[in-house]
Amino acid sequence: MRTRLIVCLLVALTGVTSHSAAQSSPSADEVRISGSQLRGLAPEEAQSLIAKLVEAQQNLRQGRLAYFDLLSGAPASYETNATAPMETFLAADFTEPFSVQRFPEENASWKPYRLILTPNGLGQAVWQVEVVLGFYEQIERVEMFYRPPPPH
């Protein structure tokens, strides 16, 4: 609850006016999962998840309040670690994930997912994005972690 309040205050105070906020987000119709690796879910479910993330980005850019936890990080020496979670989330391109995975539900009210984004191509650092949807399919939490590329 406290994190949600902080995110809401940040949105209200900043007006979401960063450079990345000025860029338009692709619509949910532009999501392409045909080349993505899907694990534990159907293409329609992956499409729906990504559409929710894109919609959340659009809502935040338009100054609408969002009530999900938003966290991001990176190894301590990465410059990415200095970027605010809101900026990180708004700059992410969810429309062409490398992979989307659904995990078994430990709690019947939450559906956990992991997306891997490769913003600089394969063999480069990746974004590991953990998303939890709630009982009503709303986004409850988004955790983004910038990781070194996997070993070859």
N, C-alpha and C. Protein backbone atom coordinates (compact mmCIF):
# COMPACT_ATOMS: atom_id res chain seq x y z
N MET A 1 0.83 -1.19 0.00
CA MET A 1 0.00 0.00 0.00
C MET A 1 0.87 1.25 0.00
N ARG A 2 1.93 1.23 0.81
CA ARG A 2 2.81 2.39 0.90
C ARG A 2 3.50 2.65 -0.44
N THR A 3 3.94 1.55 -1.11
CA THR A 3 4.59 1.69 -2.41
C THR A 3 3.63 2.29 -3.43
N ARG A 4 2.39 1.86 -3.38
CA ARG A 4 1.39 2.40 -4.32
C ARG A 4 1.21 3.90 -4.12
N LEU A 5 1.18 4.32 -2.87
CA LEU A 5 1.03 5.73 -2.56
C LEU A 5 2.23 6.52 -3.09
N ILE A 6 3.42 5.98 -2.92
CA ILE A 6 4.63 6.65 -3.40
C ILE A 6 4.59 6.77 -4.91
N VAL A 7 4.21 5.69 -5.61
CA VAL A 7 4.12 5.74 -7.07
C VAL A 7 3.10 6.78 -7.50
N CYS A 8 1.96 6.82 -6.84
CA CYS A 8 0.91 7.79 -7.18
C CYS A 8 1.42 9.22 -6.97
N LEU A 9 2.13 9.44 -5.88
CA LEU A 9 2.67 10.77 -5.62
C LEU A 9 3.71 11.16 -6.65
N LEU A 10 4.55 10.20 -7.04
CA LEU A 10 5.55 10.49 -8.07
C LEU A 10 4.88 10.88 -9.39
N VAL A 11 3.84 10.15 -9.75
CA VAL A 11 3.12 10.47 -10.98
C VAL A 11 2.53 11.87 -10.89
N ALA A 12 1.90 12.17 -9.77
CA ALA A 12 1.26 13.48 -9.61
C ALA A 12 2.29 14.60 -9.61
N LEU A 13 3.43 14.38 -8.96
CA LEU A 13 4.44 15.43 -8.86
C LEU A 13 5.18 15.66 -10.16
N THR A 14 5.51 14.58 -10.87
CA THR A 14 6.30 14.72 -12.09
C THR A 14 5.43 14.98 -13.31
N GLY A 15 4.20 14.59 -13.23
CA GLY A 15 3.33 14.74 -14.40
C GLY A 15 3.78 13.84 -15.54
N VAL A 16 4.69 12.94 -15.23
CA VAL A 16 5.23 12.01 -16.21
C VAL A 16 5.65 12.77 -17.46
N THR A 17 6.60 13.68 -17.30
CA THR A 17 7.03 14.52 -18.42
C THR A 17 8.42 14.19 -18.93
N SER A 18 8.95 13.06 -18.60
CA SER A 18 10.27 12.71 -19.08
C SER A 18 10.26 12.50 -20.59
N HIS A 19 11.47 12.45 -21.17
CA HIS A 19 11.59 12.26 -22.62
C HIS A 19 10.89 10.97 -23.06
N SER A 20 11.07 9.90 -22.30
CA SER A 20 10.45 8.64 -22.70
C SER A 20 8.93 8.73 -22.63
N ALA A 21 8.41 9.57 -21.78
CA ALA A 21 6.96 9.72 -21.69
C ALA A 21 6.41 10.43 -22.92
N ALA A 22 7.23 11.22 -23.57
CA ALA A 22 6.77 11.94 -24.74
C ALA A 22 6.64 11.02 -25.94
N GLN A 23 7.32 9.88 -25.92
CA GLN A 23 7.24 8.95 -27.02
C GLN A 23 5.94 8.18 -26.93
N SER A 24 5.36 7.89 -28.08
CA SER A 24 4.09 7.15 -28.05
C SER A 24 4.37 5.66 -27.93
N SER A 25 3.53 5.00 -27.22
CA SER A 25 3.66 3.56 -27.00
C SER A 25 2.90 2.82 -28.09
N PRO A 26 3.41 1.67 -28.52
CA PRO A 26 2.66 0.89 -29.50
C PRO A 26 1.35 0.42 -28.91
N SER A 27 0.37 0.26 -29.75
CA SER A 27 -0.93 -0.21 -29.27
C SER A 27 -0.85 -1.71 -29.01
N ALA A 28 -1.80 -2.20 -28.26
CA ALA A 28 -1.84 -3.62 -27.95
C ALA A 28 -1.97 -4.46 -29.22
N ASP A 29 -2.55 -3.89 -30.29
CA ASP A 29 -2.68 -4.61 -31.54
C ASP A 29 -1.34 -4.85 -32.22
N GLU A 30 -0.31 -4.07 -31.84
CA GLU A 30 0.99 -4.19 -32.46
C GLU A 30 1.88 -5.20 -31.75
N VAL A 31 1.39 -5.87 -30.74
CA VAL A 31 2.16 -6.85 -30.01
C VAL A 31 2.42 -8.05 -30.91
N ARG A 32 3.69 -8.46 -30.97
CA ARG A 32 4.06 -9.60 -31.81
C ARG A 32 4.71 -10.66 -30.95
N ILE A 33 4.02 -11.76 -30.76
CA ILE A 33 4.57 -12.84 -29.95
C ILE A 33 4.90 -14.05 -30.79
N SER A 34 4.74 -13.96 -32.12
CA SER A 34 4.96 -15.12 -32.98
C SER A 34 6.39 -15.65 -32.88
N GLY A 35 7.38 -14.78 -32.65
CA GLY A 35 8.76 -15.23 -32.54
C GLY A 35 9.20 -15.47 -31.11
N SER A 36 8.31 -15.26 -30.17
CA SER A 36 8.66 -15.39 -28.75
C SER A 36 8.56 -16.83 -28.29
N GLN A 37 9.42 -17.19 -27.34
CA GLN A 37 9.32 -18.49 -26.70
C GLN A 37 8.24 -18.39 -25.63
N LEU A 38 7.27 -19.28 -25.69
CA LEU A 38 6.18 -19.29 -24.71
C LEU A 38 6.30 -20.55 -23.87
N ARG A 39 6.25 -20.38 -22.55
CA ARG A 39 6.36 -21.52 -21.64
C ARG A 39 5.23 -21.48 -20.63
N GLY A 40 4.38 -22.50 -20.67
CA GLY A 40 3.32 -22.62 -19.68
C GLY A 40 2.10 -21.76 -19.95
N LEU A 41 1.98 -21.20 -21.16
CA LEU A 41 0.81 -20.39 -21.49
C LEU A 41 0.57 -20.41 -22.99
N ALA A 42 -0.67 -20.12 -23.36
CA ALA A 42 -1.07 -20.07 -24.76
C ALA A 42 -0.74 -18.70 -25.33
N PRO A 43 -0.63 -18.59 -26.65
CA PRO A 43 -0.34 -17.29 -27.27
C PRO A 43 -1.34 -16.20 -26.88
N GLU A 44 -2.62 -16.56 -26.74
CA GLU A 44 -3.64 -15.58 -26.38
C GLU A 44 -3.40 -15.01 -24.98
N GLU A 45 -2.95 -15.86 -24.07
CA GLU A 45 -2.66 -15.41 -22.70
C GLU A 45 -1.45 -14.47 -22.69
N ALA A 46 -0.42 -14.81 -23.47
CA ALA A 46 0.76 -13.94 -23.57
C ALA A 46 0.36 -12.60 -24.18
N GLN A 47 -0.45 -12.64 -25.22
CA GLN A 47 -0.94 -11.41 -25.88
C GLN A 47 -1.70 -10.54 -24.88
N SER A 48 -2.56 -11.14 -24.08
CA SER A 48 -3.34 -10.41 -23.10
C SER A 48 -2.44 -9.77 -22.03
N LEU A 49 -1.45 -10.52 -21.55
CA LEU A 49 -0.51 -9.99 -20.56
C LEU A 49 0.24 -8.78 -21.10
N ILE A 50 0.76 -8.91 -22.29
CA ILE A 50 1.52 -7.81 -22.89
C ILE A 50 0.63 -6.61 -23.16
N ALA A 51 -0.59 -6.86 -23.59
CA ALA A 51 -1.54 -5.75 -23.81
C ALA A 51 -1.79 -5.00 -22.51
N LYS A 52 -1.86 -5.71 -21.39
CA LYS A 52 -2.06 -5.05 -20.08
C LYS A 52 -0.86 -4.16 -19.74
N LEU A 53 0.34 -4.64 -20.02
CA LEU A 53 1.54 -3.86 -19.75
C LEU A 53 1.60 -2.60 -20.62
N VAL A 54 1.29 -2.76 -21.90
CA VAL A 54 1.28 -1.62 -22.83
C VAL A 54 0.22 -0.61 -22.41
N GLU A 55 -0.95 -1.09 -22.01
CA GLU A 55 -2.02 -0.21 -21.54
C GLU A 55 -1.59 0.55 -20.28
N ALA A 56 -0.90 -0.15 -19.37
CA ALA A 56 -0.43 0.50 -18.14
C ALA A 56 0.57 1.61 -18.48
N GLN A 57 1.44 1.37 -19.46
CA GLN A 57 2.38 2.40 -19.90
C GLN A 57 1.62 3.61 -20.45
N GLN A 58 0.64 3.36 -21.29
CA GLN A 58 -0.13 4.44 -21.88
C GLN A 58 -0.87 5.23 -20.81
N ASN A 59 -1.46 4.55 -19.85
CA ASN A 59 -2.17 5.23 -18.77
C ASN A 59 -1.24 6.13 -17.97
N LEU A 60 -0.07 5.63 -17.63
CA LEU A 60 0.89 6.44 -16.87
C LEU A 60 1.36 7.65 -17.67
N ARG A 61 1.59 7.47 -18.95
CA ARG A 61 2.00 8.59 -19.81
C ARG A 61 0.93 9.67 -19.86
N GLN A 62 -0.32 9.25 -19.76
CA GLN A 62 -1.44 10.20 -19.84
C GLN A 62 -1.79 10.77 -18.47
N GLY A 63 -0.98 10.45 -17.46
CA GLY A 63 -1.19 11.00 -16.13
C GLY A 63 -2.26 10.31 -15.31
N ARG A 64 -2.73 9.17 -15.77
CA ARG A 64 -3.72 8.42 -14.99
C ARG A 64 -3.01 7.68 -13.86
N LEU A 65 -3.70 7.52 -12.77
CA LEU A 65 -3.12 6.83 -11.63
C LEU A 65 -3.07 5.33 -11.88
N ALA A 66 -2.03 4.70 -11.35
CA ALA A 66 -1.88 3.25 -11.45
C ALA A 66 -1.63 2.72 -10.05
N TYR A 67 -2.20 1.60 -9.74
CA TYR A 67 -2.12 1.06 -8.39
C TYR A 67 -1.43 -0.30 -8.35
N PHE A 68 -0.28 -0.41 -8.99
CA PHE A 68 0.49 -1.64 -8.88
C PHE A 68 1.89 -1.29 -8.38
N ASP A 69 2.52 -2.27 -7.74
CA ASP A 69 3.89 -2.08 -7.27
C ASP A 69 4.82 -2.08 -8.48
N LEU A 70 5.79 -1.19 -8.47
CA LEU A 70 6.72 -1.05 -9.59
C LEU A 70 8.12 -0.94 -9.04
N LEU A 71 8.96 -1.91 -9.37
CA LEU A 71 10.34 -1.93 -8.89
C LEU A 71 11.27 -2.21 -10.06
N SER A 72 12.48 -1.67 -9.99
CA SER A 72 13.48 -2.00 -11.00
C SER A 72 14.86 -1.94 -10.38
N GLY A 73 15.79 -2.62 -11.00
CA GLY A 73 17.14 -2.63 -10.50
C GLY A 73 18.10 -3.24 -11.49
N ALA A 74 19.36 -3.23 -11.11
CA ALA A 74 20.44 -3.76 -11.93
C ALA A 74 21.62 -4.01 -11.01
N PRO A 75 22.64 -4.70 -11.50
CA PRO A 75 23.85 -4.82 -10.68
C PRO A 75 24.36 -3.43 -10.30
N ALA A 76 24.97 -3.33 -9.15
CA ALA A 76 25.35 -2.03 -8.57
C ALA A 76 26.16 -1.14 -9.50
N SER A 77 27.02 -1.69 -10.32
CA SER A 77 27.89 -0.86 -11.16
C SER A 77 27.25 -0.47 -12.49
N TYR A 78 26.05 -0.96 -12.80
CA TYR A 78 25.39 -0.62 -14.06
C TYR A 78 24.76 0.76 -13.96
N GLU A 79 24.93 1.57 -15.00
CA GLU A 79 24.31 2.90 -15.03
C GLU A 79 22.79 2.80 -14.96
N THR A 80 22.25 1.73 -15.49
CA THR A 80 20.80 1.52 -15.48
C THR A 80 20.24 1.56 -14.07
N ASN A 81 21.07 1.24 -13.09
CA ASN A 81 20.62 1.21 -11.70
C ASN A 81 20.24 2.60 -11.19
N ALA A 82 20.71 3.65 -11.86
CA ALA A 82 20.40 5.02 -11.44
C ALA A 82 19.09 5.53 -12.03
N THR A 83 18.46 4.76 -12.88
CA THR A 83 17.21 5.18 -13.52
C THR A 83 16.02 4.82 -12.62
N ALA A 84 15.10 5.75 -12.48
CA ALA A 84 13.92 5.52 -11.64
C ALA A 84 13.04 4.40 -12.23
N PRO A 85 12.39 3.62 -11.37
CA PRO A 85 11.53 2.54 -11.86
C PRO A 85 10.47 3.01 -12.86
N MET A 86 9.90 4.19 -12.64
CA MET A 86 8.88 4.69 -13.56
C MET A 86 9.47 4.90 -14.96
N GLU A 87 10.64 5.52 -15.03
CA GLU A 87 11.29 5.75 -16.33
C GLU A 87 11.64 4.43 -17.00
N THR A 88 12.13 3.49 -16.20
CA THR A 88 12.49 2.17 -16.73
C THR A 88 11.27 1.50 -17.33
N PHE A 89 10.17 1.52 -16.60
CA PHE A 89 8.94 0.88 -17.07
C PHE A 89 8.42 1.55 -18.34
N LEU A 90 8.41 2.87 -18.36
CA LEU A 90 7.89 3.59 -19.53
C LEU A 90 8.77 3.40 -20.76
N ALA A 91 10.06 3.18 -20.57
CA ALA A 91 10.98 3.02 -21.69
C ALA A 91 10.99 1.59 -22.25
N ALA A 92 10.46 0.65 -21.52
CA ALA A 92 10.50 -0.76 -21.94
C ALA A 92 9.60 -1.00 -23.15
N ASP A 93 10.07 -1.85 -24.04
CA ASP A 93 9.27 -2.26 -25.19
C ASP A 93 8.81 -3.70 -24.95
N PHE A 94 7.57 -3.83 -24.54
CA PHE A 94 7.02 -5.14 -24.23
C PHE A 94 6.45 -5.85 -25.47
N THR A 95 6.41 -5.16 -26.62
CA THR A 95 5.68 -5.69 -27.77
C THR A 95 6.35 -6.85 -28.48
N GLU A 96 7.66 -7.06 -28.27
CA GLU A 96 8.34 -8.19 -28.90
C GLU A 96 9.24 -8.90 -27.88
N PRO A 97 8.67 -9.54 -26.89
CA PRO A 97 9.50 -10.20 -25.88
C PRO A 97 10.24 -11.39 -26.46
N PHE A 98 11.42 -11.66 -25.93
CA PHE A 98 12.16 -12.85 -26.32
C PHE A 98 11.43 -14.09 -25.82
N SER A 99 10.96 -14.01 -24.56
CA SER A 99 10.21 -15.14 -24.01
C SER A 99 9.18 -14.65 -23.00
N VAL A 100 8.14 -15.46 -22.84
CA VAL A 100 7.09 -15.22 -21.84
C VAL A 100 6.84 -16.56 -21.17
N GLN A 101 6.89 -16.54 -19.84
CA GLN A 101 6.70 -17.77 -19.09
C GLN A 101 5.69 -17.54 -17.99
N ARG A 102 4.82 -18.50 -17.81
CA ARG A 102 3.88 -18.46 -16.68
C ARG A 102 4.32 -19.48 -15.66
N PHE A 103 4.34 -19.06 -14.40
CA PHE A 103 4.74 -19.94 -13.32
C PHE A 103 3.51 -20.53 -12.65
N PRO A 104 3.68 -21.67 -12.00
CA PRO A 104 2.56 -22.24 -11.24
C PRO A 104 2.12 -21.26 -10.15
N GLU A 105 0.85 -21.23 -9.90
CA GLU A 105 0.30 -20.33 -8.89
C GLU A 105 0.53 -20.89 -7.50
N GLU A 106 1.23 -20.13 -6.67
CA GLU A 106 1.39 -20.52 -5.27
C GLU A 106 0.20 -20.01 -4.46
N ASN A 107 -0.45 -18.99 -4.98
CA ASN A 107 -1.61 -18.37 -4.34
C ASN A 107 -2.68 -18.30 -5.42
N ALA A 108 -3.85 -18.82 -5.16
CA ALA A 108 -4.91 -18.87 -6.17
C ALA A 108 -5.33 -17.49 -6.66
N SER A 109 -5.00 -16.44 -5.92
CA SER A 109 -5.40 -15.09 -6.31
C SER A 109 -4.36 -14.39 -7.18
N TRP A 110 -3.16 -14.97 -7.35
CA TRP A 110 -2.10 -14.30 -8.09
C TRP A 110 -1.57 -15.20 -9.21
N LYS A 111 -1.33 -14.60 -10.37
CA LYS A 111 -0.76 -15.32 -11.50
C LYS A 111 0.60 -14.71 -11.83
N PRO A 112 1.68 -15.44 -11.57
CA PRO A 112 3.02 -14.91 -11.84
C PRO A 112 3.52 -15.25 -13.24
N TYR A 113 4.21 -14.27 -13.85
CA TYR A 113 4.79 -14.41 -15.18
C TYR A 113 6.21 -13.86 -15.19
N ARG A 114 6.99 -14.29 -16.18
CA ARG A 114 8.30 -13.70 -16.42
C ARG A 114 8.44 -13.45 -17.92
N LEU A 115 8.83 -12.23 -18.24
CA LEU A 115 9.14 -11.87 -19.62
C LEU A 115 10.63 -11.59 -19.69
N ILE A 116 11.25 -11.96 -20.78
CA ILE A 116 12.63 -11.59 -21.05
C ILE A 116 12.61 -10.67 -22.27
N LEU A 117 13.15 -9.47 -22.07
CA LEU A 117 13.24 -8.48 -23.15
C LEU A 117 14.70 -8.34 -23.55
N THR A 118 14.95 -8.25 -24.84
CA THR A 118 16.31 -8.10 -25.35
C THR A 118 16.40 -6.78 -26.12
N PRO A 119 16.48 -5.65 -25.42
CA PRO A 119 16.43 -4.36 -26.10
C PRO A 119 17.61 -4.09 -27.03
N ASN A 120 18.76 -4.72 -26.78
CA ASN A 120 19.94 -4.49 -27.62
C ASN A 120 20.31 -5.71 -28.44
N GLY A 121 19.39 -6.65 -28.55
CA GLY A 121 19.63 -7.86 -29.32
C GLY A 121 20.17 -9.00 -28.48
N LEU A 122 20.22 -10.18 -29.10
CA LEU A 122 20.71 -11.37 -28.40
C LEU A 122 22.20 -11.22 -28.09
N GLY A 123 22.62 -11.81 -26.99
CA GLY A 123 24.01 -11.74 -26.58
C GLY A 123 24.35 -10.49 -25.79
N GLN A 124 23.38 -9.62 -25.59
CA GLN A 124 23.55 -8.39 -24.83
C GLN A 124 22.77 -8.50 -23.53
N ALA A 125 22.89 -7.50 -22.68
CA ALA A 125 22.15 -7.51 -21.41
C ALA A 125 20.65 -7.59 -21.69
N VAL A 126 19.92 -8.23 -20.78
CA VAL A 126 18.48 -8.45 -20.94
C VAL A 126 17.72 -7.85 -19.77
N TRP A 127 16.45 -7.56 -20.01
CA TRP A 127 15.53 -7.19 -18.93
C TRP A 127 14.74 -8.43 -18.55
N GLN A 128 14.82 -8.81 -17.30
CA GLN A 128 13.98 -9.87 -16.76
C GLN A 128 12.84 -9.17 -16.04
N VAL A 129 11.62 -9.39 -16.51
CA VAL A 129 10.46 -8.68 -15.98
C VAL A 129 9.52 -9.69 -15.33
N GLU A 130 9.33 -9.54 -14.03
CA GLU A 130 8.39 -10.39 -13.29
C GLU A 130 7.09 -9.62 -13.17
N VAL A 131 5.99 -10.23 -13.58
CA VAL A 131 4.68 -9.59 -13.53
C VAL A 131 3.74 -10.50 -12.76
N VAL A 132 2.98 -9.90 -11.86
CA VAL A 132 1.97 -10.66 -11.11
C VAL A 132 0.61 -10.02 -11.40
N LEU A 133 -0.30 -10.85 -11.90
CA LEU A 133 -1.68 -10.41 -12.09
C LEU A 133 -2.51 -10.88 -10.90
N GLY A 134 -3.46 -10.06 -10.50
CA GLY A 134 -4.32 -10.38 -9.37
C GLY A 134 -5.54 -11.18 -9.76
N PHE A 135 -6.41 -11.36 -8.80
CA PHE A 135 -7.61 -12.17 -8.95
C PHE A 135 -8.47 -11.72 -10.13
N TYR A 136 -8.56 -10.43 -10.36
CA TYR A 136 -9.38 -9.89 -11.45
C TYR A 136 -8.56 -9.60 -12.69
N GLU A 137 -7.40 -10.25 -12.83
CA GLU A 137 -6.52 -10.11 -13.98
C GLU A 137 -5.88 -8.72 -14.09
N GLN A 138 -5.89 -7.95 -13.00
CA GLN A 138 -5.25 -6.63 -13.01
C GLN A 138 -3.77 -6.79 -12.63
N ILE A 139 -2.94 -5.87 -13.08
CA ILE A 139 -1.52 -5.91 -12.71
C ILE A 139 -1.39 -5.54 -11.24
N GLU A 140 -0.74 -6.38 -10.48
CA GLU A 140 -0.48 -6.13 -9.06
C GLU A 140 0.96 -5.69 -8.82
N ARG A 141 1.89 -6.27 -9.59
CA ARG A 141 3.30 -5.97 -9.38
C ARG A 141 4.08 -6.16 -10.67
N VAL A 142 5.04 -5.26 -10.91
CA VAL A 142 5.99 -5.39 -12.01
C VAL A 142 7.38 -5.16 -11.42
N GLU A 143 8.24 -6.16 -11.55
CA GLU A 143 9.63 -6.06 -11.10
C GLU A 143 10.52 -6.23 -12.33
N MET A 144 11.38 -5.25 -12.56
CA MET A 144 12.26 -5.29 -13.72
C MET A 144 13.71 -5.33 -13.24
N PHE A 145 14.48 -6.31 -13.75
CA PHE A 145 15.88 -6.41 -13.36
C PHE A 145 16.73 -6.54 -14.62
N TYR A 146 17.69 -5.62 -14.77
CA TYR A 146 18.59 -5.62 -15.92
C TYR A 146 19.74 -6.56 -15.61
N ARG A 147 19.91 -7.58 -16.42
CA ARG A 147 20.89 -8.62 -16.14
C ARG A 147 21.93 -8.73 -17.26
N PRO A 148 23.12 -9.20 -16.90
CA PRO A 148 24.09 -9.50 -17.94
C PRO A 148 23.54 -10.59 -18.86
N PRO A 149 24.05 -10.68 -20.07
CA PRO A 149 23.54 -11.73 -20.97
C PRO A 149 23.88 -13.11 -20.42
N PRO A 150 23.05 -14.09 -20.76
CA PRO A 150 23.35 -15.44 -20.32
C PRO A 150 24.65 -15.93 -20.98
N PRO A 151 25.38 -16.84 -20.34
CA PRO A 151 26.62 -17.35 -20.94
C PRO A 151 26.31 -18.10 -22.22
N HIS A 152 27.27 -18.09 -23.12
CA HIS A 152 27.10 -18.80 -24.42
C HIS A 152 27.28 -20.27 -24.28
